[in-house]
N, C-alpha and C. Protein backbone atom coordinates (compact mmCIF):
# COMPACT_ATOMS: atom_id res chain seq x y z
N CYS A 1 2.08 -2.65 -14.04
CA CYS A 1 3.29 -2.36 -13.29
C CYS A 1 3.65 -0.90 -13.54
N ILE A 2 3.77 -0.12 -12.48
CA ILE A 2 4.08 1.29 -12.68
C ILE A 2 5.57 1.56 -12.74
N TYR A 3 6.36 0.79 -12.02
CA TYR A 3 7.80 0.96 -12.15
C TYR A 3 8.52 -0.27 -11.62
N GLU A 4 9.72 -0.44 -12.09
CA GLU A 4 10.57 -1.53 -11.64
C GLU A 4 11.93 -0.96 -11.30
N ASP A 5 12.52 -1.43 -10.24
CA ASP A 5 13.89 -1.08 -9.87
C ASP A 5 14.68 -2.37 -9.81
N GLU A 6 15.85 -2.36 -10.40
CA GLU A 6 16.67 -3.56 -10.37
C GLU A 6 18.10 -3.18 -10.06
N PHE A 7 18.63 -3.80 -9.05
CA PHE A 7 20.02 -3.64 -8.64
C PHE A 7 20.62 -5.04 -8.57
N PRO A 8 21.92 -5.17 -8.52
CA PRO A 8 22.50 -6.51 -8.42
C PRO A 8 21.91 -7.27 -7.22
N GLY A 9 21.25 -8.39 -7.49
CA GLY A 9 20.68 -9.21 -6.44
C GLY A 9 19.35 -8.74 -5.90
N THR A 10 18.78 -7.66 -6.49
CA THR A 10 17.53 -7.10 -5.98
C THR A 10 16.61 -6.77 -7.15
N PHE A 11 15.32 -7.04 -6.96
CA PHE A 11 14.32 -6.72 -7.98
C PHE A 11 13.05 -6.26 -7.27
N TRP A 12 12.52 -5.11 -7.64
CA TRP A 12 11.29 -4.57 -7.05
C TRP A 12 10.29 -4.28 -8.15
N ARG A 13 9.01 -4.56 -7.89
CA ARG A 13 7.94 -4.26 -8.84
C ARG A 13 6.75 -3.70 -8.07
N SER A 14 6.11 -2.67 -8.63
CA SER A 14 4.97 -2.03 -7.98
C SER A 14 3.78 -2.00 -8.93
N ASP A 15 2.58 -2.15 -8.39
CA ASP A 15 1.34 -2.07 -9.15
C ASP A 15 0.36 -1.17 -8.40
N LEU A 16 -0.40 -0.37 -9.16
CA LEU A 16 -1.45 0.46 -8.59
C LEU A 16 -2.80 0.02 -9.15
N TYR A 17 -3.83 0.05 -8.31
CA TYR A 17 -5.17 -0.36 -8.71
C TYR A 17 -6.17 0.71 -8.32
N LYS A 18 -7.13 0.94 -9.20
CA LYS A 18 -8.25 1.84 -8.91
C LYS A 18 -9.21 1.08 -8.01
N ILE A 19 -9.72 1.74 -6.99
CA ILE A 19 -10.64 1.07 -6.08
C ILE A 19 -12.06 1.52 -6.37
N GLU A 20 -13.01 0.64 -6.09
CA GLU A 20 -14.41 0.95 -6.31
C GLU A 20 -14.90 1.86 -5.19
N THR A 21 -15.63 2.89 -5.55
CA THR A 21 -16.08 3.86 -4.55
C THR A 21 -17.58 4.03 -4.60
N GLY A 22 -18.09 4.64 -3.58
CA GLY A 22 -19.50 5.01 -3.50
C GLY A 22 -19.59 6.39 -2.90
N LYS A 23 -20.76 6.87 -2.66
CA LYS A 23 -20.94 8.18 -2.05
C LYS A 23 -20.64 8.07 -0.56
N LEU A 24 -19.56 8.71 -0.12
CA LEU A 24 -19.11 8.59 1.26
C LEU A 24 -19.36 9.83 2.09
N GLU A 25 -19.60 10.96 1.45
CA GLU A 25 -19.81 12.25 2.11
C GLU A 25 -18.60 12.65 2.94
N LYS A 26 -18.63 12.52 4.26
CA LYS A 26 -17.51 12.95 5.10
C LYS A 26 -16.59 11.76 5.37
N ILE A 27 -15.31 11.93 5.06
CA ILE A 27 -14.33 10.86 5.23
C ILE A 27 -13.40 11.24 6.38
N ASP A 28 -13.39 10.44 7.44
CA ASP A 28 -12.53 10.70 8.60
C ASP A 28 -11.18 9.99 8.51
N MET A 29 -11.15 8.85 7.86
CA MET A 29 -9.90 8.07 7.82
C MET A 29 -9.93 7.12 6.63
N VAL A 30 -8.81 7.02 5.93
CA VAL A 30 -8.63 6.02 4.89
C VAL A 30 -7.49 5.12 5.35
N THR A 31 -7.76 3.83 5.45
CA THR A 31 -6.75 2.86 5.83
C THR A 31 -6.54 1.91 4.66
N ILE A 32 -5.33 1.85 4.17
CA ILE A 32 -4.98 0.92 3.10
C ILE A 32 -4.43 -0.33 3.76
N ILE A 33 -4.93 -1.48 3.35
CA ILE A 33 -4.53 -2.74 3.97
C ILE A 33 -4.09 -3.70 2.87
N GLY A 34 -2.91 -4.26 3.06
CA GLY A 34 -2.40 -5.29 2.16
C GLY A 34 -2.17 -6.57 2.95
N ARG A 35 -2.48 -7.70 2.35
CA ARG A 35 -2.22 -8.99 2.98
C ARG A 35 -0.95 -9.56 2.35
N PHE A 36 0.13 -9.59 3.15
CA PHE A 36 1.46 -9.95 2.67
C PHE A 36 2.01 -11.19 3.37
N LYS A 37 2.95 -11.83 2.71
CA LYS A 37 3.80 -12.84 3.34
C LYS A 37 5.11 -12.84 2.58
N SER A 38 6.10 -13.51 3.14
CA SER A 38 7.37 -13.66 2.43
C SER A 38 7.78 -15.12 2.46
N PHE A 39 8.71 -15.44 1.60
CA PHE A 39 9.23 -16.80 1.53
C PHE A 39 10.71 -16.72 1.21
N GLY A 40 11.48 -17.54 1.87
CA GLY A 40 12.91 -17.58 1.60
C GLY A 40 13.70 -17.99 2.82
N THR A 41 14.97 -17.67 2.78
CA THR A 41 15.89 -18.11 3.83
C THR A 41 16.33 -16.99 4.75
N ARG A 42 15.89 -15.77 4.50
CA ARG A 42 16.24 -14.62 5.35
C ARG A 42 14.97 -13.90 5.79
N PRO A 43 14.31 -14.36 6.87
CA PRO A 43 13.01 -13.80 7.24
C PRO A 43 13.03 -12.33 7.65
N THR A 44 14.16 -11.75 7.96
CA THR A 44 14.19 -10.34 8.34
C THR A 44 14.47 -9.41 7.17
N THR A 45 14.56 -9.95 5.96
CA THR A 45 14.82 -9.13 4.77
C THR A 45 13.54 -8.38 4.38
N ARG A 46 13.68 -7.08 4.14
CA ARG A 46 12.54 -6.23 3.77
C ARG A 46 12.20 -6.43 2.29
N VAL A 47 11.00 -6.96 2.03
CA VAL A 47 10.63 -7.28 0.65
C VAL A 47 9.21 -6.82 0.29
N ALA A 48 8.63 -5.88 1.06
CA ALA A 48 7.27 -5.43 0.75
C ALA A 48 7.06 -4.00 1.23
N ALA A 49 6.08 -3.33 0.60
CA ALA A 49 5.66 -1.98 1.00
C ALA A 49 4.27 -1.74 0.42
N LEU A 50 3.58 -0.74 0.94
CA LEU A 50 2.30 -0.29 0.39
C LEU A 50 2.52 1.03 -0.32
N ILE A 51 1.74 1.27 -1.39
CA ILE A 51 1.83 2.53 -2.13
C ILE A 51 0.43 3.08 -2.37
N LEU A 52 0.35 4.40 -2.53
CA LEU A 52 -0.89 5.03 -2.95
C LEU A 52 -0.56 6.17 -3.89
N ASN A 53 -1.50 6.46 -4.78
CA ASN A 53 -1.35 7.55 -5.74
C ASN A 53 -2.52 8.51 -5.54
N THR A 54 -2.20 9.76 -5.23
CA THR A 54 -3.20 10.81 -5.13
C THR A 54 -2.60 12.08 -5.72
N HIS A 55 -3.38 12.80 -6.51
CA HIS A 55 -2.91 14.03 -7.17
C HIS A 55 -1.65 13.74 -8.01
N ASP A 56 -1.59 12.57 -8.64
CA ASP A 56 -0.48 12.15 -9.51
C ASP A 56 0.86 12.05 -8.79
N ILE A 57 0.85 11.90 -7.48
CA ILE A 57 2.06 11.68 -6.69
C ILE A 57 1.94 10.31 -6.03
N VAL A 58 2.99 9.49 -6.14
CA VAL A 58 2.99 8.16 -5.52
C VAL A 58 3.70 8.25 -4.18
N TYR A 59 3.01 7.80 -3.13
CA TYR A 59 3.56 7.75 -1.77
C TYR A 59 3.77 6.29 -1.40
N THR A 60 4.78 6.02 -0.59
CA THR A 60 5.08 4.64 -0.20
C THR A 60 5.42 4.56 1.28
N THR A 61 5.11 3.41 1.86
CA THR A 61 5.53 3.15 3.23
C THR A 61 7.01 2.76 3.20
N ALA A 62 7.60 2.71 4.36
CA ALA A 62 8.93 2.11 4.46
C ALA A 62 8.78 0.62 4.13
N THR A 63 9.80 0.05 3.53
CA THR A 63 9.74 -1.38 3.25
C THR A 63 9.73 -2.15 4.57
N PHE A 64 9.12 -3.32 4.54
CA PHE A 64 9.05 -4.15 5.75
C PHE A 64 9.26 -5.61 5.39
N ALA A 65 9.50 -6.43 6.41
CA ALA A 65 9.74 -7.86 6.25
C ALA A 65 8.50 -8.62 6.73
N PRO A 66 7.60 -9.02 5.80
CA PRO A 66 6.42 -9.76 6.24
C PRO A 66 6.81 -11.14 6.77
N PRO A 67 6.00 -11.71 7.68
CA PRO A 67 6.29 -13.07 8.15
C PRO A 67 5.99 -14.10 7.06
N PHE A 68 6.23 -15.36 7.36
CA PHE A 68 5.99 -16.43 6.39
C PHE A 68 4.51 -16.79 6.25
N ALA A 69 3.66 -16.32 7.16
CA ALA A 69 2.21 -16.55 7.08
C ALA A 69 1.54 -15.26 6.61
N TRP A 70 0.40 -15.38 5.92
CA TRP A 70 -0.34 -14.21 5.44
C TRP A 70 -0.71 -13.32 6.62
N THR A 71 -0.37 -12.04 6.53
CA THR A 71 -0.60 -11.09 7.60
C THR A 71 -1.04 -9.76 7.01
N ASP A 72 -2.05 -9.13 7.63
CA ASP A 72 -2.51 -7.82 7.17
C ASP A 72 -1.59 -6.72 7.68
N HIS A 73 -1.24 -5.79 6.78
CA HIS A 73 -0.41 -4.64 7.11
C HIS A 73 -1.20 -3.37 6.79
N PRO A 74 -1.64 -2.62 7.80
CA PRO A 74 -2.43 -1.40 7.55
C PRO A 74 -1.55 -0.16 7.43
N TRP A 75 -2.08 0.82 6.71
CA TRP A 75 -1.42 2.12 6.55
C TRP A 75 -2.52 3.17 6.63
N GLU A 76 -2.58 3.92 7.72
CA GLU A 76 -3.67 4.86 7.97
C GLU A 76 -3.35 6.28 7.49
N HIS A 77 -4.41 6.93 6.96
CA HIS A 77 -4.29 8.32 6.51
C HIS A 77 -5.53 9.09 6.96
N ALA A 78 -5.39 9.86 8.03
CA ALA A 78 -6.50 10.71 8.48
C ALA A 78 -6.70 11.88 7.53
N VAL A 79 -5.63 12.29 6.86
CA VAL A 79 -5.68 13.37 5.87
C VAL A 79 -5.02 12.89 4.59
N ASN A 80 -5.33 13.57 3.51
CA ASN A 80 -4.68 13.28 2.24
C ASN A 80 -3.21 13.71 2.34
N PRO A 81 -2.25 12.83 2.00
CA PRO A 81 -0.84 13.21 2.15
C PRO A 81 -0.40 14.34 1.22
N PHE A 82 -1.15 14.61 0.16
CA PHE A 82 -0.79 15.69 -0.75
C PHE A 82 -1.28 17.04 -0.23
N THR A 83 -2.55 17.10 0.19
CA THR A 83 -3.13 18.37 0.63
C THR A 83 -2.97 18.62 2.12
N HIS A 84 -2.70 17.57 2.88
CA HIS A 84 -2.63 17.65 4.35
C HIS A 84 -3.95 18.13 4.95
N GLU A 85 -5.04 17.84 4.25
CA GLU A 85 -6.39 18.17 4.70
C GLU A 85 -7.24 16.91 4.61
N ALA A 86 -8.44 16.98 5.18
CA ALA A 86 -9.35 15.83 5.13
C ALA A 86 -9.59 15.40 3.68
N TRP A 87 -9.78 14.10 3.51
CA TRP A 87 -10.04 13.56 2.17
C TRP A 87 -11.37 14.11 1.65
N THR A 88 -11.41 14.41 0.36
CA THR A 88 -12.67 14.78 -0.28
C THR A 88 -13.18 13.57 -1.05
N GLN A 89 -14.46 13.61 -1.41
CA GLN A 89 -15.03 12.52 -2.20
C GLN A 89 -14.30 12.41 -3.55
N ALA A 90 -13.99 13.54 -4.18
CA ALA A 90 -13.30 13.52 -5.48
C ALA A 90 -11.92 12.88 -5.36
N GLU A 91 -11.20 13.17 -4.29
CA GLU A 91 -9.88 12.56 -4.09
C GLU A 91 -9.99 11.06 -3.88
N PHE A 92 -10.98 10.65 -3.09
CA PHE A 92 -11.16 9.22 -2.86
C PHE A 92 -11.57 8.51 -4.14
N ASP A 93 -12.39 9.17 -4.97
CA ASP A 93 -12.83 8.57 -6.23
C ASP A 93 -11.67 8.31 -7.19
N THR A 94 -10.59 9.07 -7.09
CA THR A 94 -9.44 8.90 -8.00
C THR A 94 -8.26 8.21 -7.33
N LEU A 95 -8.41 7.81 -6.07
CA LEU A 95 -7.32 7.16 -5.33
C LEU A 95 -6.94 5.83 -5.96
N GLN A 96 -5.64 5.58 -6.05
CA GLN A 96 -5.11 4.29 -6.49
C GLN A 96 -4.22 3.75 -5.37
N ILE A 97 -4.32 2.44 -5.13
CA ILE A 97 -3.53 1.81 -4.07
C ILE A 97 -2.88 0.55 -4.62
N GLY A 98 -1.82 0.10 -3.96
CA GLY A 98 -1.18 -1.13 -4.42
C GLY A 98 -0.02 -1.56 -3.56
N PRO A 99 0.57 -2.69 -3.94
CA PRO A 99 1.74 -3.20 -3.24
C PRO A 99 3.03 -2.93 -4.01
N THR A 100 4.11 -2.90 -3.30
CA THR A 100 5.45 -2.98 -3.88
C THR A 100 6.05 -4.26 -3.32
N LEU A 101 6.53 -5.11 -4.21
CA LEU A 101 7.09 -6.40 -3.79
C LEU A 101 8.51 -6.53 -4.29
N GLY A 102 9.34 -7.12 -3.46
CA GLY A 102 10.74 -7.27 -3.81
C GLY A 102 11.19 -8.71 -3.80
N MET A 103 12.28 -8.92 -4.51
CA MET A 103 12.98 -10.19 -4.47
C MET A 103 14.45 -9.84 -4.25
N VAL A 104 15.01 -10.34 -3.18
CA VAL A 104 16.40 -10.06 -2.83
C VAL A 104 17.12 -11.38 -2.74
N ARG A 105 18.30 -11.45 -3.34
CA ARG A 105 19.04 -12.72 -3.27
C ARG A 105 20.53 -12.46 -3.19
N GLY A 106 21.20 -13.43 -2.65
CA GLY A 106 22.64 -13.41 -2.54
C GLY A 106 23.16 -14.82 -2.75
N VAL A 107 24.42 -15.03 -2.52
CA VAL A 107 25.01 -16.36 -2.70
C VAL A 107 24.42 -17.30 -1.65
N GLY A 108 23.66 -18.28 -2.09
CA GLY A 108 23.10 -19.28 -1.20
C GLY A 108 21.87 -18.86 -0.42
N TRP A 109 21.28 -17.69 -0.72
CA TRP A 109 20.07 -17.28 -0.01
C TRP A 109 19.20 -16.41 -0.89
N GLY A 110 17.94 -16.27 -0.49
CA GLY A 110 17.02 -15.40 -1.21
C GLY A 110 15.75 -15.19 -0.40
N GLN A 111 15.05 -14.10 -0.70
CA GLN A 111 13.80 -13.78 -0.01
C GLN A 111 12.89 -13.06 -1.00
N ARG A 112 11.60 -13.41 -1.01
CA ARG A 112 10.64 -12.82 -1.94
C ARG A 112 9.37 -12.44 -1.19
N GLY A 113 8.78 -11.28 -1.56
CA GLY A 113 7.53 -10.84 -0.97
C GLY A 113 6.34 -11.19 -1.85
N TYR A 114 5.20 -11.47 -1.21
CA TYR A 114 3.96 -11.80 -1.91
C TYR A 114 2.82 -10.98 -1.33
N CYS A 115 1.84 -10.65 -2.18
CA CYS A 115 0.63 -9.95 -1.73
C CYS A 115 -0.57 -10.64 -2.36
N THR A 116 -1.55 -11.02 -1.54
CA THR A 116 -2.74 -11.68 -2.06
C THR A 116 -3.95 -10.77 -2.15
N GLN A 117 -3.99 -9.71 -1.33
CA GLN A 117 -5.13 -8.78 -1.33
C GLN A 117 -4.65 -7.38 -1.02
N ILE A 118 -5.36 -6.41 -1.59
CA ILE A 118 -5.10 -5.00 -1.28
C ILE A 118 -6.46 -4.31 -1.28
N PHE A 119 -6.76 -3.56 -0.24
CA PHE A 119 -8.06 -2.89 -0.18
C PHE A 119 -7.97 -1.66 0.71
N ALA A 120 -9.00 -0.81 0.61
CA ALA A 120 -9.07 0.40 1.44
C ALA A 120 -10.28 0.29 2.35
N ARG A 121 -10.08 0.65 3.60
CA ARG A 121 -11.17 0.72 4.58
C ARG A 121 -11.39 2.20 4.88
N VAL A 122 -12.63 2.62 4.84
CA VAL A 122 -12.95 4.04 5.04
C VAL A 122 -13.80 4.19 6.30
N ARG A 123 -13.38 5.12 7.15
CA ARG A 123 -14.20 5.46 8.32
C ARG A 123 -14.90 6.78 7.98
N ARG A 124 -16.22 6.72 8.00
CA ARG A 124 -17.02 7.89 7.66
C ARG A 124 -17.40 8.66 8.91
N GLY A 125 -17.45 9.97 8.75
CA GLY A 125 -17.88 10.82 9.85
C GLY A 125 -19.36 11.14 9.74
N ILE A 126 -19.84 11.83 10.72
CA ILE A 126 -21.24 12.23 10.75
C ILE A 126 -21.34 13.68 10.30
N ILE A 127 -22.23 13.93 9.36
CA ILE A 127 -22.49 15.30 8.92
C ILE A 127 -23.77 15.76 9.59
N CYS A 128 -23.64 16.74 10.44
CA CYS A 128 -24.80 17.27 11.17
C CYS A 128 -25.46 18.36 10.34
N PRO A 129 -26.78 18.38 10.33
CA PRO A 129 -27.46 19.46 9.60
C PRO A 129 -27.23 20.80 10.29
N PRO A 130 -27.26 21.87 9.50
CA PRO A 130 -27.02 23.21 10.09
C PRO A 130 -28.13 23.62 11.03
């Protein structure tokens, strides 16, 4: 767990995971995908987000309200959000990704986010010889 935020009636927890990499050469797009659902009595309550860590900076999506069934939520990055340039192999090798999950409750109601999978999909480009 990298950090926790707690407010009256609200609890958030985030985790980052190192992903397995290989030699990718040219990287055109990195898409982070989390499989989320929520459970509770307020289906429109925002209880989930995706996070990534690159260059020791943690970036996050806006929180969202997942449905009650497992659903994939993608987050695309054509460029590294820190450098604003194409991803390098070294940056991808050190990339960490994860979910942020919340639990929100009030008098007589509550909503909790769940994540079962988190992974990165990489679209590789073609490197033409000189």
